Amino acid sequence: MTNIAVLVSGGGTNLQALIDAEKSGIIKNGKITLVISNNADAYALTRAKDNGIATAVITRKACGGQSAMEEKIIETLEENDIDLIVLAGFMSILSENFTGKYDHRIINIHPSLIPSFCGAGFYGLKVHEAALNKGVKVTGATVHFVNEIPDGGEIIMQKAVSVADDDTPETLQRKVMEQAEWIILPLAVEKVSKSISERKDVK
């Protein structure tokens, strides 16, 4: 079994999709055992507690900087025997020092079809605003491995979503979440969890 930590900053809708997928058996080779937030007020922490998942709040401010925060996160991951890290709306770019330590063991969901509308500065509604400004007819979501380049890691899964003429950034964001993110993130987590579980069994 692959022990999963989900890193969050906000409401935790993708976390909820993962919790639901674990309960319904979509995720069967992984178990969410820890939720870490860099925001003490994140509703995602309530979602975790309501489902009996251990939580930790680790902030840049409390730690005195980014590198100290990353060290504290690593320490917490190791204490909990975490095999796979899922970034689900985690609003902090992780350094090469961190990502290098967990090669092919950190995955992220991005609300566009990479390589479109991705990289530094593209997050949240900004992604959907950019897609609408460009006039694209198809957008979607991408699950990818995380490396030191924002949205630069190898793609695991993508799903397309049609853009309507009357879409706003808000309606498009909702559509991409419902029709793509909440579907492919659990599938990608199961795929990577299965691969990690198999490697653990061999050891």
Protein backbone atom coordinates (compact mmCIF):
# COMPACT_ATOMS: atom_id res chain seq x y z
CA MET A 1 0.00 0.00 0.00
CA THR A 2 1.25 3.48 -0.90
CA ASN A 3 1.00 6.08 1.85
CA ILE A 4 -0.17 9.38 0.38
CA ALA A 5 0.22 12.92 1.69
CA VAL A 6 -1.91 15.65 0.10
CA LEU A 7 -0.55 19.22 0.26
CA VAL A 8 -3.23 21.91 0.21
CA SER A 9 -3.72 25.66 0.67
CA GLY A 10 -7.44 26.26 0.23
CA GLY A 11 -10.87 24.67 0.04
CA GLY A 12 -9.71 21.19 -0.83
CA THR A 13 -12.14 20.24 -3.61
CA ASN A 14 -9.48 18.04 -5.24
CA LEU A 15 -8.70 16.53 -1.83
CA GLN A 16 -12.41 15.69 -1.51
CA ALA A 17 -12.34 14.04 -4.95
CA LEU A 18 -9.42 11.88 -3.76
CA ILE A 19 -11.13 10.98 -0.46
CA ASP A 20 -14.29 9.99 -2.38
CA ALA A 21 -12.24 7.98 -4.89
CA GLU A 22 -10.53 6.07 -2.09
CA LYS A 23 -13.91 5.28 -0.50
CA SER A 24 -15.42 4.14 -3.81
CA GLY A 25 -12.43 1.91 -4.65
CA ILE A 26 -11.04 3.94 -7.57
CA ILE A 27 -7.90 4.41 -5.48
CA LYS A 28 -7.13 0.95 -4.12
CA ASN A 29 -3.31 0.85 -4.04
CA GLY A 30 -2.97 4.07 -2.05
CA LYS A 31 -4.22 5.49 1.24
CA ILE A 32 -4.35 9.17 2.17
CA THR A 33 -2.70 9.17 5.59
CA LEU A 34 -1.73 12.84 5.92
CA VAL A 35 -2.88 16.29 4.80
CA ILE A 36 -0.41 19.19 5.10
CA SER A 37 -1.46 22.81 4.66
CA ASN A 38 0.56 26.03 4.51
CA ASN A 39 -2.62 27.89 5.53
CA ALA A 40 -4.09 27.29 9.00
CA ASP A 41 -7.53 28.44 7.79
CA ALA A 42 -7.74 26.09 4.79
CA TYR A 43 -11.12 24.34 4.67
CA ALA A 44 -9.24 21.31 3.31
CA LEU A 45 -8.06 20.67 6.90
CA THR A 46 -11.70 20.32 8.02
CA ARG A 47 -12.34 17.87 5.16
CA ALA A 48 -9.35 15.80 6.31
CA LYS A 49 -10.40 15.81 9.98
CA ASP A 50 -13.99 14.87 9.04
CA ASN A 51 -12.55 11.79 7.33
CA GLY A 52 -10.16 10.81 10.10
CA ILE A 53 -7.01 11.85 8.24
CA ALA A 54 -4.07 13.26 10.20
CA THR A 55 -3.27 16.92 9.50
CA ALA A 56 -0.33 19.28 9.90
CA VAL A 57 -0.08 23.05 9.39
CA ILE A 58 3.37 24.18 8.25
CA THR A 59 3.71 27.83 7.23
CA ARG A 60 6.58 29.82 5.79
CA LYS A 61 6.01 32.50 8.44
CA ALA A 62 6.12 30.10 11.40
CA CYS A 63 9.21 28.36 10.02
CA GLY A 64 11.00 31.62 9.15
CA GLY A 65 11.33 31.10 5.39
CA GLN A 66 10.79 28.80 2.42
CA SER A 67 13.74 26.46 2.94
CA ALA A 68 12.93 25.97 6.64
CA MET A 69 9.29 25.29 5.70
CA GLU A 70 10.39 22.68 3.16
CA GLU A 71 12.67 21.04 5.74
CA LYS A 72 9.77 20.83 8.18
CA ILE A 73 7.52 19.34 5.49
CA ILE A 74 10.19 16.72 4.64
CA GLU A 75 10.57 15.88 8.34
CA THR A 76 6.77 15.45 8.68
CA LEU A 77 6.58 13.31 5.52
CA GLU A 78 9.35 11.05 6.80
CA GLU A 79 7.76 10.71 10.25
CA ASN A 80 4.58 9.51 8.51
CA ASP A 81 6.33 7.11 6.07
CA ILE A 82 4.90 8.94 3.06
CA ASP A 83 5.55 7.39 -0.37
CA LEU A 84 3.62 9.75 -2.65
CA ILE A 85 2.94 13.50 -2.41
CA VAL A 86 -0.07 15.00 -4.18
CA LEU A 87 -0.20 18.77 -4.64
CA ALA A 88 -3.89 19.71 -4.68
CA GLY A 89 -4.09 23.48 -4.85
CA PHE A 90 -0.84 23.95 -2.89
CA MET A 91 0.09 27.62 -3.41
CA SER A 92 3.84 27.39 -2.91
CA ILE A 93 6.48 26.59 -5.53
CA LEU A 94 8.73 23.86 -4.15
CA SER A 95 12.48 24.19 -4.64
CA GLU A 96 14.74 21.84 -6.59
CA ASN A 97 16.13 20.69 -3.25
CA PHE A 98 12.66 19.40 -2.31
CA THR A 99 11.50 18.06 -5.69
CA GLY A 100 14.84 16.31 -6.30
CA LYS A 101 14.42 14.36 -3.08
CA TYR A 102 11.08 12.93 -4.28
CA ASP A 103 11.79 12.20 -7.94
CA HIS A 104 8.64 10.82 -9.63
CA ARG A 105 6.90 10.80 -6.24
CA ILE A 106 5.23 14.25 -6.37
CA ILE A 107 2.25 14.84 -8.63
CA ASN A 108 0.27 17.97 -9.35
CA ILE A 109 -2.98 18.82 -11.11
CA HIS A 110 -2.94 21.87 -13.38
CA PRO A 111 -6.15 23.35 -14.85
CA SER A 112 -5.10 23.49 -18.51
CA LEU A 113 -3.76 21.19 -21.20
CA ILE A 114 -0.02 21.59 -20.66
CA PRO A 115 2.00 23.07 -22.43
CA SER A 116 -0.74 25.72 -22.82
CA PHE A 117 -1.31 28.28 -20.05
CA CYS A 118 1.17 26.87 -17.58
CA GLY A 119 4.37 27.77 -15.75
CA ALA A 120 5.17 30.61 -13.35
CA GLY A 121 2.21 32.90 -12.70
CA PHE A 122 -0.44 30.57 -14.11
CA TYR A 123 -2.63 29.42 -11.24
CA GLY A 124 -6.29 29.53 -10.20
CA LEU A 125 -8.56 31.77 -12.27
CA LYS A 126 -5.56 33.27 -14.12
CA VAL A 127 -5.29 30.05 -16.15
CA HIS A 128 -8.92 30.24 -17.27
CA GLU A 129 -8.73 33.98 -17.97
CA ALA A 130 -5.75 33.35 -20.25
CA ALA A 131 -7.56 30.51 -22.05
CA LEU A 132 -10.62 32.69 -22.68
CA ASN A 133 -8.51 35.68 -23.77
CA LYS A 134 -6.77 33.45 -26.32
CA GLY A 135 -10.12 32.20 -27.62
CA VAL A 136 -9.34 28.49 -27.31
CA LYS A 137 -12.23 26.13 -28.00
CA VAL A 138 -10.81 23.29 -25.92
CA THR A 139 -9.09 23.41 -22.55
CA GLY A 140 -8.83 20.82 -19.78
CA ALA A 141 -6.62 19.57 -16.99
CA THR A 142 -3.25 17.85 -16.73
CA VAL A 143 -1.80 15.64 -14.00
CA HIS A 144 1.98 15.68 -14.10
CA PHE A 145 5.02 14.77 -12.07
CA VAL A 146 6.60 17.72 -10.29
CA ASN A 147 10.19 18.80 -10.87
CA GLU A 148 12.05 22.07 -10.25
CA ILE A 149 10.33 23.81 -13.22
CA PRO A 150 6.76 25.00 -12.51
CA ASP A 151 4.43 22.65 -14.46
CA GLY A 152 7.53 21.22 -16.15
CA GLY A 153 7.40 17.56 -15.14
CA GLU A 154 6.40 14.59 -17.25
CA ILE A 155 2.67 14.33 -18.03
CA ILE A 156 0.76 11.40 -16.49
CA MET A 157 -2.79 12.09 -17.71
CA GLN A 158 -4.83 14.76 -19.51
CA LYS A 159 -8.52 15.32 -20.17
CA ALA A 160 -10.06 17.86 -22.53
CA VAL A 161 -13.05 20.10 -21.82
CA SER A 162 -14.97 22.16 -24.40
CA VAL A 163 -15.11 25.92 -23.98
CA ALA A 164 -18.52 27.54 -24.55
CA ASP A 165 -18.90 31.00 -26.11
CA ASP A 166 -20.54 32.31 -22.93
CA ASP A 167 -18.03 30.83 -20.46
CA THR A 168 -16.55 33.14 -17.83
CA PRO A 169 -13.32 32.34 -15.94
CA GLU A 170 -15.52 31.17 -13.05
CA THR A 171 -17.80 28.88 -15.11
CA LEU A 172 -14.81 27.48 -16.96
CA GLN A 173 -12.97 26.80 -13.71
CA ARG A 174 -15.98 24.87 -12.40
CA LYS A 175 -16.37 22.94 -15.64
CA VAL A 176 -12.67 21.96 -15.74
CA MET A 177 -12.85 20.78 -12.12
CA GLU A 178 -16.01 18.71 -12.60
CA GLN A 179 -15.29 17.32 -16.07
CA ALA A 180 -11.52 16.83 -15.83
CA GLU A 181 -9.69 17.46 -12.54
CA TRP A 182 -11.92 15.37 -10.27
CA ILE A 183 -11.83 12.50 -12.78
CA ILE A 184 -8.17 12.27 -13.79
CA LEU A 185 -6.52 13.18 -10.46
CA PRO A 186 -7.85 10.05 -8.67
CA LEU A 187 -7.01 7.88 -11.73
CA ALA A 188 -3.46 9.26 -11.87
CA VAL A 189 -3.02 8.83 -8.10
CA GLU A 190 -4.10 5.18 -8.41
CA LYS A 191 -1.75 4.62 -11.37
CA VAL A 192 1.29 6.06 -9.56
CA SER A 193 0.31 4.42 -6.23
CA LYS A 194 0.15 1.02 -7.94
CA SER A 195 3.59 1.52 -9.44
CA ILE A 196 5.08 2.61 -6.05
CA SER A 197 3.34 -0.29 -4.23
CA GLU A 198 4.79 -2.79 -6.67
CA ARG A 199 8.29 -1.37 -6.17
CA LYS A 200 7.83 -1.51 -2.37
CA ASP A 201 6.77 -5.17 -2.59
CA VAL A 202 9.92 -6.03 -4.53
CA LYS A 203 12.24 -4.58 -1.88
